[in-house]
Amino acid sequence: MKALTLITSNAGKAKEFELLLGVTVHHQKVELPEVQATAVAKVAKAKAEAAYQALQKPVLVDDTGLYINAWGELPGALIAWFLDNIGNEGILKMLEGWGDRSARVMTALGYCDENGSQVFIGELAGSIAKVARGKNGFGYDSIFIPEGQPKTFAEMTSQEKNAISMRAQAAHYFREAIL
């Protein structure tokens, strides 16, 4: 496979996947139904299947979630909704008084072609910082500290983050199975 179509309007995300996968990644925006679930695998699978039906060509989608262990499966795949409504500061405020700040982040890559859909998962344990730190990245990067690291994702360079990230793990599993 020489090229992939990533369903996103984010050119930066497509470039990141090119680095992670070692193939050309085109990006295309497709209006997809928004699956209401905390499980990123369920969301990625549904989006990949819907995108394939719309385009009738092989597609790749990703969905990433932040799981705060004290909150069970929340916010999970609903993290974008949390960030849109309360932001990182709101998440930090909601965690005040909780003793357990452990968390995990998970990326699910959904791939669909004429043979059906597959999902590849990368997961990274860590914790939620007490205050937002760093300027790099996006979303919850300024509050998530990967296990064994002194920095949040937002304090890391792109190279440091890509070396350990859940997206890099999922891309590795995808590359082994599909490319």
N, C-alpha and C. Protein backbone atom coordinates (compact mmCIF):
# COMPACT_ATOMS: atom_id res chain seq x y z
N MET A 1 0.86 -1.17 0.00
CA MET A 1 0.00 0.00 0.00
C MET A 1 0.90 1.24 0.00
N LYS A 2 0.67 2.11 -0.96
CA LYS A 2 1.51 3.30 -1.09
C LYS A 2 0.90 4.53 -0.45
N ALA A 3 -0.43 4.53 -0.31
CA ALA A 3 -1.09 5.71 0.27
C ALA A 3 -2.34 5.27 1.01
N LEU A 4 -2.71 6.08 1.99
CA LEU A 4 -3.92 5.86 2.79
C LEU A 4 -4.76 7.12 2.78
N THR A 5 -6.05 6.95 3.00
CA THR A 5 -6.94 8.09 3.18
C THR A 5 -7.37 8.11 4.64
N LEU A 6 -6.94 9.15 5.34
CA LEU A 6 -7.32 9.36 6.73
C LEU A 6 -8.51 10.29 6.76
N ILE A 7 -9.54 9.91 7.46
CA ILE A 7 -10.74 10.74 7.55
C ILE A 7 -10.54 11.76 8.67
N THR A 8 -10.21 12.97 8.25
CA THR A 8 -9.99 14.08 9.16
C THR A 8 -9.91 15.37 8.34
N SER A 9 -10.18 16.47 8.97
CA SER A 9 -9.97 17.76 8.32
C SER A 9 -8.64 18.36 8.79
N ASN A 10 -7.92 17.65 9.63
CA ASN A 10 -6.69 18.12 10.24
C ASN A 10 -5.47 17.64 9.44
N ALA A 11 -4.88 18.55 8.66
CA ALA A 11 -3.70 18.21 7.86
C ALA A 11 -2.54 17.80 8.74
N GLY A 12 -2.42 18.40 9.93
CA GLY A 12 -1.35 18.06 10.85
C GLY A 12 -1.44 16.61 11.31
N LYS A 13 -2.65 16.13 11.53
CA LYS A 13 -2.84 14.74 11.95
C LYS A 13 -2.41 13.79 10.82
N ALA A 14 -2.72 14.16 9.58
CA ALA A 14 -2.31 13.35 8.44
C ALA A 14 -0.78 13.28 8.35
N LYS A 15 -0.10 14.39 8.58
CA LYS A 15 1.37 14.42 8.57
C LYS A 15 1.93 13.54 9.69
N GLU A 16 1.31 13.61 10.86
CA GLU A 16 1.75 12.77 11.98
C GLU A 16 1.63 11.30 11.62
N PHE A 17 0.53 10.91 10.98
CA PHE A 17 0.36 9.51 10.59
C PHE A 17 1.35 9.11 9.50
N GLU A 18 1.70 10.03 8.60
CA GLU A 18 2.73 9.72 7.61
C GLU A 18 4.03 9.33 8.30
N LEU A 19 4.42 10.10 9.31
CA LEU A 19 5.64 9.79 10.06
C LEU A 19 5.53 8.46 10.78
N LEU A 20 4.39 8.20 11.38
CA LEU A 20 4.20 6.97 12.15
C LEU A 20 4.10 5.72 11.27
N LEU A 21 3.50 5.88 10.07
CA LEU A 21 3.23 4.72 9.22
C LEU A 21 4.24 4.52 8.09
N GLY A 22 4.92 5.60 7.70
CA GLY A 22 5.89 5.48 6.62
C GLY A 22 5.28 5.38 5.24
N VAL A 23 4.04 5.84 5.08
CA VAL A 23 3.38 5.88 3.77
C VAL A 23 2.73 7.25 3.60
N THR A 24 2.39 7.59 2.38
CA THR A 24 1.68 8.84 2.12
C THR A 24 0.28 8.74 2.71
N VAL A 25 -0.13 9.77 3.43
CA VAL A 25 -1.46 9.80 4.03
C VAL A 25 -2.18 11.04 3.52
N HIS A 26 -3.23 10.80 2.73
CA HIS A 26 -4.10 11.88 2.27
C HIS A 26 -5.18 12.05 3.32
N HIS A 27 -5.66 13.26 3.48
CA HIS A 27 -6.74 13.45 4.43
C HIS A 27 -7.97 13.97 3.70
N GLN A 28 -9.10 13.56 4.20
CA GLN A 28 -10.37 13.95 3.60
C GLN A 28 -11.39 14.09 4.71
N LYS A 29 -12.14 15.16 4.63
CA LYS A 29 -13.20 15.37 5.61
C LYS A 29 -14.47 14.69 5.10
N VAL A 30 -15.09 13.92 5.95
CA VAL A 30 -16.35 13.25 5.63
C VAL A 30 -17.26 13.44 6.83
N GLU A 31 -18.45 13.89 6.60
CA GLU A 31 -19.42 14.01 7.70
C GLU A 31 -19.85 12.61 8.12
N LEU A 32 -19.57 12.28 9.37
CA LEU A 32 -19.90 10.96 9.89
C LEU A 32 -20.83 11.08 11.08
N PRO A 33 -21.65 10.07 11.31
CA PRO A 33 -22.48 10.10 12.51
C PRO A 33 -21.59 10.07 13.74
N GLU A 34 -21.94 10.83 14.76
CA GLU A 34 -21.16 10.87 15.99
C GLU A 34 -21.69 9.80 16.94
N VAL A 35 -20.92 8.75 17.10
CA VAL A 35 -21.30 7.64 17.97
C VAL A 35 -21.15 8.09 19.42
N GLN A 36 -22.18 7.90 20.21
CA GLN A 36 -22.15 8.28 21.62
C GLN A 36 -21.77 7.07 22.45
N ALA A 37 -20.47 6.97 22.72
CA ALA A 37 -19.96 5.84 23.50
C ALA A 37 -18.67 6.28 24.18
N THR A 38 -18.35 5.66 25.29
CA THR A 38 -17.07 5.96 25.94
C THR A 38 -15.94 5.11 25.37
N ALA A 39 -16.25 3.99 24.73
CA ALA A 39 -15.24 3.07 24.20
C ALA A 39 -14.74 3.54 22.84
N VAL A 40 -13.44 3.90 22.77
CA VAL A 40 -12.88 4.41 21.52
C VAL A 40 -12.92 3.36 20.41
N ALA A 41 -12.78 2.08 20.75
CA ALA A 41 -12.80 1.03 19.73
C ALA A 41 -14.16 0.99 19.03
N LYS A 42 -15.23 1.11 19.80
CA LYS A 42 -16.57 1.11 19.22
C LYS A 42 -16.77 2.31 18.29
N VAL A 43 -16.29 3.47 18.72
CA VAL A 43 -16.42 4.69 17.92
C VAL A 43 -15.61 4.58 16.63
N ALA A 44 -14.36 4.13 16.73
CA ALA A 44 -13.49 4.03 15.56
C ALA A 44 -14.05 3.04 14.54
N LYS A 45 -14.55 1.91 15.00
CA LYS A 45 -15.12 0.91 14.10
C LYS A 45 -16.32 1.47 13.35
N ALA A 46 -17.23 2.11 14.08
CA ALA A 46 -18.42 2.68 13.45
C ALA A 46 -18.06 3.78 12.44
N LYS A 47 -17.11 4.64 12.80
CA LYS A 47 -16.69 5.72 11.89
C LYS A 47 -16.02 5.16 10.64
N ALA A 48 -15.17 4.16 10.80
CA ALA A 48 -14.49 3.56 9.64
C ALA A 48 -15.49 2.94 8.69
N GLU A 49 -16.46 2.22 9.23
CA GLU A 49 -17.47 1.59 8.38
C GLU A 49 -18.32 2.63 7.66
N ALA A 50 -18.71 3.70 8.35
CA ALA A 50 -19.50 4.76 7.73
C ALA A 50 -18.70 5.49 6.66
N ALA A 51 -17.43 5.75 6.92
CA ALA A 51 -16.58 6.44 5.94
C ALA A 51 -16.38 5.58 4.70
N TYR A 52 -16.17 4.28 4.90
CA TYR A 52 -16.02 3.38 3.75
C TYR A 52 -17.29 3.37 2.91
N GLN A 53 -18.44 3.30 3.57
CA GLN A 53 -19.71 3.33 2.83
C GLN A 53 -19.87 4.61 2.03
N ALA A 54 -19.42 5.72 2.59
CA ALA A 54 -19.55 7.01 1.91
C ALA A 54 -18.59 7.14 0.73
N LEU A 55 -17.36 6.64 0.88
CA LEU A 55 -16.33 6.85 -0.15
C LEU A 55 -16.08 5.65 -1.05
N GLN A 56 -16.45 4.48 -0.59
CA GLN A 56 -16.22 3.24 -1.34
C GLN A 56 -14.75 3.05 -1.68
N LYS A 57 -13.88 3.38 -0.73
CA LYS A 57 -12.45 3.11 -0.85
C LYS A 57 -11.90 2.89 0.55
N PRO A 58 -10.75 2.22 0.65
CA PRO A 58 -10.17 1.97 1.98
C PRO A 58 -9.94 3.27 2.75
N VAL A 59 -10.29 3.25 4.04
CA VAL A 59 -10.18 4.44 4.87
C VAL A 59 -9.60 4.09 6.24
N LEU A 60 -9.01 5.11 6.85
CA LEU A 60 -8.46 5.00 8.20
C LEU A 60 -9.04 6.13 9.02
N VAL A 61 -9.51 5.82 10.21
CA VAL A 61 -10.01 6.85 11.14
C VAL A 61 -9.32 6.61 12.48
N ASP A 62 -9.27 7.64 13.30
CA ASP A 62 -8.76 7.43 14.64
C ASP A 62 -9.69 8.09 15.65
N ASP A 63 -9.70 7.52 16.82
CA ASP A 63 -10.45 8.10 17.91
C ASP A 63 -9.61 7.89 19.16
N THR A 64 -9.51 8.93 19.96
CA THR A 64 -8.68 8.87 21.15
C THR A 64 -9.50 9.25 22.36
N GLY A 65 -9.25 8.57 23.46
CA GLY A 65 -9.97 8.85 24.70
C GLY A 65 -9.04 8.97 25.88
N LEU A 66 -9.48 9.72 26.85
CA LEU A 66 -8.80 9.87 28.14
C LEU A 66 -9.70 9.23 29.19
N TYR A 67 -9.16 8.26 29.90
CA TYR A 67 -9.92 7.55 30.92
C TYR A 67 -9.31 7.85 32.29
N ILE A 68 -10.05 8.56 33.12
CA ILE A 68 -9.61 8.87 34.47
C ILE A 68 -10.10 7.73 35.36
N ASN A 69 -9.18 6.97 35.91
CA ASN A 69 -9.54 5.71 36.58
C ASN A 69 -10.56 5.89 37.69
N ALA A 70 -10.48 6.97 38.45
CA ALA A 70 -11.44 7.21 39.54
C ALA A 70 -12.86 7.42 39.00
N TRP A 71 -12.96 7.78 37.74
CA TRP A 71 -14.28 8.05 37.13
C TRP A 71 -14.77 6.89 36.26
N GLY A 72 -14.16 5.72 36.37
CA GLY A 72 -14.58 4.59 35.56
C GLY A 72 -14.19 4.80 34.11
N GLU A 73 -15.13 4.76 33.22
CA GLU A 73 -14.86 4.90 31.80
C GLU A 73 -14.96 6.35 31.30
N LEU A 74 -15.06 7.30 32.20
CA LEU A 74 -15.20 8.70 31.79
C LEU A 74 -13.86 9.42 31.81
N PRO A 75 -13.70 10.42 30.98
CA PRO A 75 -14.59 10.77 29.88
C PRO A 75 -14.47 9.87 28.66
N GLY A 76 -13.39 9.08 28.56
CA GLY A 76 -13.26 8.14 27.44
C GLY A 76 -13.31 8.86 26.11
N ALA A 77 -14.06 8.27 25.18
CA ALA A 77 -14.19 8.83 23.83
C ALA A 77 -14.96 10.15 23.84
N LEU A 78 -15.57 10.48 24.97
CA LEU A 78 -16.32 11.74 25.08
C LEU A 78 -15.42 12.90 25.49
N ILE A 79 -14.10 12.71 25.47
CA ILE A 79 -13.17 13.74 25.92
C ILE A 79 -13.33 15.04 25.14
N ALA A 80 -13.58 14.99 23.86
CA ALA A 80 -13.74 16.23 23.08
C ALA A 80 -14.92 17.03 23.61
N TRP A 81 -15.99 16.34 23.99
CA TRP A 81 -17.16 17.02 24.55
C TRP A 81 -16.79 17.67 25.88
N PHE A 82 -16.06 16.95 26.74
CA PHE A 82 -15.60 17.51 28.01
C PHE A 82 -14.76 18.75 27.77
N LEU A 83 -13.79 18.66 26.85
CA LEU A 83 -12.90 19.78 26.59
C LEU A 83 -13.66 20.98 26.02
N ASP A 84 -14.63 20.73 25.13
CA ASP A 84 -15.44 21.82 24.56
C ASP A 84 -16.26 22.52 25.62
N ASN A 85 -16.70 21.77 26.63
CA ASN A 85 -17.62 22.34 27.62
C ASN A 85 -16.95 22.86 28.88
N ILE A 86 -15.92 22.18 29.36
CA ILE A 86 -15.30 22.63 30.61
C ILE A 86 -13.78 22.82 30.50
N GLY A 87 -13.18 22.34 29.42
CA GLY A 87 -11.75 22.50 29.22
C GLY A 87 -10.91 21.72 30.21
N ASN A 88 -9.61 21.80 30.03
CA ASN A 88 -8.69 21.13 30.95
C ASN A 88 -8.84 21.65 32.37
N GLU A 89 -9.05 22.96 32.50
CA GLU A 89 -9.20 23.55 33.84
C GLU A 89 -10.43 22.97 34.56
N GLY A 90 -11.49 22.74 33.82
CA GLY A 90 -12.68 22.13 34.41
C GLY A 90 -12.43 20.70 34.86
N ILE A 91 -11.70 19.95 34.05
CA ILE A 91 -11.36 18.57 34.44
C ILE A 91 -10.51 18.59 35.71
N LEU A 92 -9.52 19.49 35.76
CA LEU A 92 -8.68 19.59 36.96
C LEU A 92 -9.51 19.98 38.18
N LYS A 93 -10.43 20.90 38.00
CA LYS A 93 -11.28 21.32 39.11
C LYS A 93 -12.17 20.16 39.59
N MET A 94 -12.72 19.40 38.66
CA MET A 94 -13.56 18.26 39.01
C MET A 94 -12.76 17.17 39.75
N LEU A 95 -11.45 17.10 39.51
CA LEU A 95 -10.62 16.09 40.16
C LEU A 95 -10.13 16.52 41.54
N GLU A 96 -10.32 17.78 41.89
CA GLU A 96 -9.90 18.24 43.21
C GLU A 96 -10.56 17.39 44.28
N GLY A 97 -9.78 16.97 45.25
CA GLY A 97 -10.31 16.15 46.33
C GLY A 97 -10.29 14.66 46.05
N TRP A 98 -10.04 14.26 44.83
CA TRP A 98 -9.94 12.84 44.50
C TRP A 98 -8.50 12.41 44.80
N GLY A 99 -8.31 11.35 45.52
CA GLY A 99 -6.97 10.87 45.82
C GLY A 99 -6.31 10.18 44.64
N ASP A 100 -7.10 9.51 43.84
CA ASP A 100 -6.58 8.75 42.70
C ASP A 100 -6.58 9.63 41.45
N ARG A 101 -5.39 9.98 40.96
CA ARG A 101 -5.28 10.79 39.74
C ARG A 101 -4.77 9.94 38.58
N SER A 102 -4.75 8.62 38.77
CA SER A 102 -4.27 7.75 37.69
C SER A 102 -5.24 7.81 36.51
N ALA A 103 -4.67 7.62 35.33
CA ALA A 103 -5.48 7.71 34.11
C ALA A 103 -4.81 6.87 33.03
N ARG A 104 -5.50 6.73 31.94
CA ARG A 104 -4.91 6.10 30.77
C ARG A 104 -5.46 6.77 29.54
N VAL A 105 -4.67 6.76 28.49
CA VAL A 105 -5.13 7.29 27.22
C VAL A 105 -5.10 6.15 26.22
N MET A 106 -6.06 6.17 25.32
CA MET A 106 -6.19 5.09 24.36
C MET A 106 -6.53 5.67 22.99
N THR A 107 -5.85 5.15 21.97
CA THR A 107 -6.18 5.49 20.59
C THR A 107 -6.63 4.22 19.90
N ALA A 108 -7.73 4.32 19.17
CA ALA A 108 -8.21 3.23 18.34
C ALA A 108 -8.15 3.69 16.89
N LEU A 109 -7.45 2.93 16.06
CA LEU A 109 -7.43 3.19 14.62
C LEU A 109 -8.40 2.22 13.98
N GLY A 110 -9.38 2.77 13.29
CA GLY A 110 -10.33 1.95 12.57
C GLY A 110 -9.97 1.95 11.10
N TYR A 111 -9.88 0.78 10.52
CA TYR A 111 -9.57 0.64 9.09
C TYR A 111 -10.68 -0.17 8.46
N CYS A 112 -11.15 0.29 7.31
CA CYS A 112 -12.20 -0.45 6.62
C CYS A 112 -11.90 -0.45 5.13
N ASP A 113 -12.05 -1.62 4.54
CA ASP A 113 -11.94 -1.77 3.09
C ASP A 113 -12.99 -2.78 2.64
N GLU A 114 -12.89 -3.26 1.43
CA GLU A 114 -13.90 -4.17 0.89
C GLU A 114 -14.00 -5.48 1.67
N ASN A 115 -13.00 -5.78 2.50
CA ASN A 115 -13.01 -7.01 3.29
C ASN A 115 -13.59 -6.84 4.69
N GLY A 116 -13.98 -5.61 5.03
CA GLY A 116 -14.55 -5.36 6.35
C GLY A 116 -13.70 -4.40 7.16
N SER A 117 -13.99 -4.34 8.45
CA SER A 117 -13.29 -3.38 9.32
C SER A 117 -12.46 -4.08 10.38
N GLN A 118 -11.41 -3.38 10.79
CA GLN A 118 -10.53 -3.85 11.85
C GLN A 118 -10.20 -2.65 12.73
N VAL A 119 -9.91 -2.91 14.00
CA VAL A 119 -9.55 -1.85 14.93
C VAL A 119 -8.22 -2.22 15.59
N PHE A 120 -7.33 -1.23 15.70
CA PHE A 120 -6.02 -1.40 16.30
C PHE A 120 -5.89 -0.41 17.45
N ILE A 121 -5.50 -0.92 18.62
CA ILE A 121 -5.53 -0.10 19.83
C ILE A 121 -4.14 0.09 20.42
N GLY A 122 -3.88 1.32 20.82
CA GLY A 122 -2.69 1.65 21.59
C GLY A 122 -3.14 2.27 22.90
N GLU A 123 -2.47 1.92 23.99
CA GLU A 123 -2.89 2.41 25.30
C GLU A 123 -1.66 2.76 26.13
N LEU A 124 -1.77 3.83 26.90
CA LEU A 124 -0.67 4.31 27.71
C LEU A 124 -1.20 4.72 29.08
N ALA A 125 -0.60 4.17 30.13
CA ALA A 125 -0.98 4.54 31.50
C ALA A 125 -0.28 5.82 31.90
N GLY A 126 -0.86 6.51 32.87
CA GLY A 126 -0.25 7.74 33.37
C GLY A 126 -1.09 8.32 34.48
N SER A 127 -1.02 9.64 34.59
CA SER A 127 -1.78 10.33 35.63
C SER A 127 -2.15 11.73 35.15
N ILE A 128 -3.05 12.33 35.89
CA ILE A 128 -3.47 13.70 35.59
C ILE A 128 -2.69 14.66 36.49
N ALA A 129 -2.05 15.65 35.86
CA ALA A 129 -1.28 16.66 36.59
C ALA A 129 -2.20 17.48 37.49
N LYS A 130 -1.62 18.15 38.46
CA LYS A 130 -2.42 19.02 39.34
C LYS A 130 -2.72 20.35 38.67
N VAL A 131 -1.84 20.79 37.76
CA VAL A 131 -2.04 22.02 36.98
C VAL A 131 -1.63 21.73 35.53
N ALA A 132 -2.23 22.45 34.60
CA ALA A 132 -1.87 22.31 33.19
C ALA A 132 -0.43 22.79 33.00
N ARG A 133 0.34 22.01 32.21
CA ARG A 133 1.74 22.35 31.96
C ARG A 133 2.08 22.09 30.51
N GLY A 134 2.79 23.04 29.90
CA GLY A 134 3.30 22.87 28.54
C GLY A 134 2.43 23.53 27.50
N LYS A 135 3.03 23.76 26.34
CA LYS A 135 2.35 24.48 25.24
C LYS A 135 2.22 23.65 23.97
N ASN A 136 2.88 22.50 23.90
CA ASN A 136 2.82 21.69 22.68
C ASN A 136 1.56 20.84 22.67
N GLY A 137 1.25 20.27 21.53
CA GLY A 137 0.13 19.35 21.43
C GLY A 137 -1.21 20.05 21.44
N PHE A 138 -2.22 19.32 21.85
CA PHE A 138 -3.60 19.80 21.82
C PHE A 138 -4.43 18.99 22.78
N GLY A 139 -5.67 19.37 22.92
CA GLY A 139 -6.59 18.61 23.78
C GLY A 139 -6.10 18.54 25.21
N TYR A 140 -6.03 17.34 25.74
CA TYR A 140 -5.65 17.12 27.14
C TYR A 140 -4.14 16.95 27.33
N ASP A 141 -3.34 17.23 26.30
CA ASP A 141 -1.89 17.02 26.40
C ASP A 141 -1.25 17.75 27.57
N SER A 142 -1.79 18.90 27.95
CA SER A 142 -1.18 19.67 29.03
C SER A 142 -1.50 19.13 30.43
N ILE A 143 -2.40 18.15 30.52
CA ILE A 143 -2.72 17.60 31.85
C ILE A 143 -2.39 16.12 31.99
N PHE A 144 -1.99 15.44 30.91
CA PHE A 144 -1.69 14.01 30.99
C PHE A 144 -0.19 13.79 31.09
N ILE A 145 0.22 13.07 32.14
CA ILE A 145 1.63 12.71 32.36
C ILE A 145 1.77 11.20 32.14
N PRO A 146 2.47 10.77 31.09
CA PRO A 146 2.67 9.34 30.88
C PRO A 146 3.46 8.71 32.03
N GLU A 147 3.10 7.49 32.36
CA GLU A 147 3.76 6.76 33.45
C GLU A 147 5.28 6.72 33.22
N GLY A 148 6.03 7.02 34.27
CA GLY A 148 7.48 6.99 34.19
C GLY A 148 8.11 8.24 33.59
N GLN A 149 7.29 9.21 33.25
CA GLN A 149 7.79 10.44 32.64
C GLN A 149 7.61 11.62 33.60
N PRO A 150 8.52 12.58 33.58
CA PRO A 150 8.35 13.76 34.43
C PRO A 150 7.50 14.85 33.76
N LYS A 151 7.28 14.72 32.46
CA LYS A 151 6.62 15.77 31.67
C LYS A 151 5.22 15.36 31.24
N THR A 152 4.36 16.38 31.05
CA THR A 152 3.09 16.14 30.38
C THR A 152 3.38 15.97 28.89
N PHE A 153 2.42 15.46 28.14
CA PHE A 153 2.58 15.39 26.68
C PHE A 153 2.89 16.78 26.11
N ALA A 154 2.26 17.82 26.65
CA ALA A 154 2.43 19.17 26.13
C ALA A 154 3.81 19.75 26.42
N GLU A 155 4.54 19.16 27.35
CA GLU A 155 5.91 19.60 27.64
C GLU A 155 6.93 18.85 26.79
N MET A 156 6.50 17.81 26.10
CA MET A 156 7.41 17.00 25.28
C MET A 156 7.50 17.57 23.87
N THR A 157 8.62 17.24 23.22
CA THR A 157 8.72 17.54 21.79
C THR A 157 7.85 16.52 21.06
N SER A 158 7.56 16.80 19.80
CA SER A 158 6.79 15.83 18.99
C SER A 158 7.50 14.49 18.93
N GLN A 159 8.83 14.53 18.82
CA GLN A 159 9.59 13.29 18.74
C GLN A 159 9.50 12.49 20.04
N GLU A 160 9.58 13.18 21.18
CA GLU A 160 9.46 12.50 22.48
C GLU A 160 8.08 11.87 22.62
N LYS A 161 7.05 12.62 22.27
CA LYS A 161 5.69 12.11 22.39
C LYS A 161 5.46 10.93 21.44
N ASN A 162 5.88 11.08 20.18
CA ASN A 162 5.66 10.01 19.20
C ASN A 162 6.40 8.73 19.54
N ALA A 163 7.47 8.83 20.32
CA ALA A 163 8.23 7.63 20.70
C ALA A 163 7.46 6.75 21.68
N ILE A 164 6.52 7.33 22.44
CA ILE A 164 5.83 6.56 23.47
C ILE A 164 4.31 6.58 23.36
N SER A 165 3.76 7.38 22.49
CA SER A 165 2.32 7.65 22.52
C SER A 165 1.45 6.46 22.17
N MET A 166 0.22 6.53 22.62
CA MET A 166 -0.78 5.51 22.32
C MET A 166 -1.07 5.50 20.82
N ARG A 167 -0.99 6.65 20.14
CA ARG A 167 -1.21 6.72 18.70
C ARG A 167 -0.08 5.97 17.97
N ALA A 168 1.15 6.14 18.46
CA ALA A 168 2.28 5.43 17.86
C ALA A 168 2.12 3.92 18.04
N GLN A 169 1.64 3.50 19.19
CA GLN A 169 1.42 2.06 19.43
C GLN A 169 0.36 1.52 18.47
N ALA A 170 -0.77 2.22 18.36
CA ALA A 170 -1.83 1.77 17.47
C ALA A 170 -1.34 1.74 16.03
N ALA A 171 -0.56 2.75 15.63
CA ALA A 171 -0.01 2.80 14.27
C ALA A 171 0.91 1.61 14.02
N HIS A 172 1.69 1.24 15.03
CA HIS A 172 2.58 0.07 14.92
C HIS A 172 1.77 -1.20 14.65
N TYR A 173 0.71 -1.41 15.40
CA TYR A 173 -0.12 -2.61 15.21
C TYR A 173 -0.80 -2.59 13.83
N PHE A 174 -1.25 -1.41 13.40
CA PHE A 174 -1.86 -1.27 12.08
C PHE A 174 -0.83 -1.61 10.99
N ARG A 175 0.36 -1.05 11.12
CA ARG A 175 1.42 -1.26 10.12
C ARG A 175 1.75 -2.74 10.00
N GLU A 176 1.84 -3.43 11.14
CA GLU A 176 2.15 -4.86 11.12
C GLU A 176 1.06 -5.68 10.42
N ALA A 177 -0.18 -5.31 10.62
CA ALA A 177 -1.29 -6.09 10.09
C ALA A 177 -1.69 -5.73 8.66
N ILE A 178 -1.58 -4.46 8.29
CA ILE A 178 -2.15 -4.00 7.01
C ILE A 178 -1.10 -3.62 5.98
N LEU A 179 -0.03 -2.97 6.40
CA LEU A 179 0.94 -2.44 5.42
C LEU A 179 1.99 -3.45 5.03
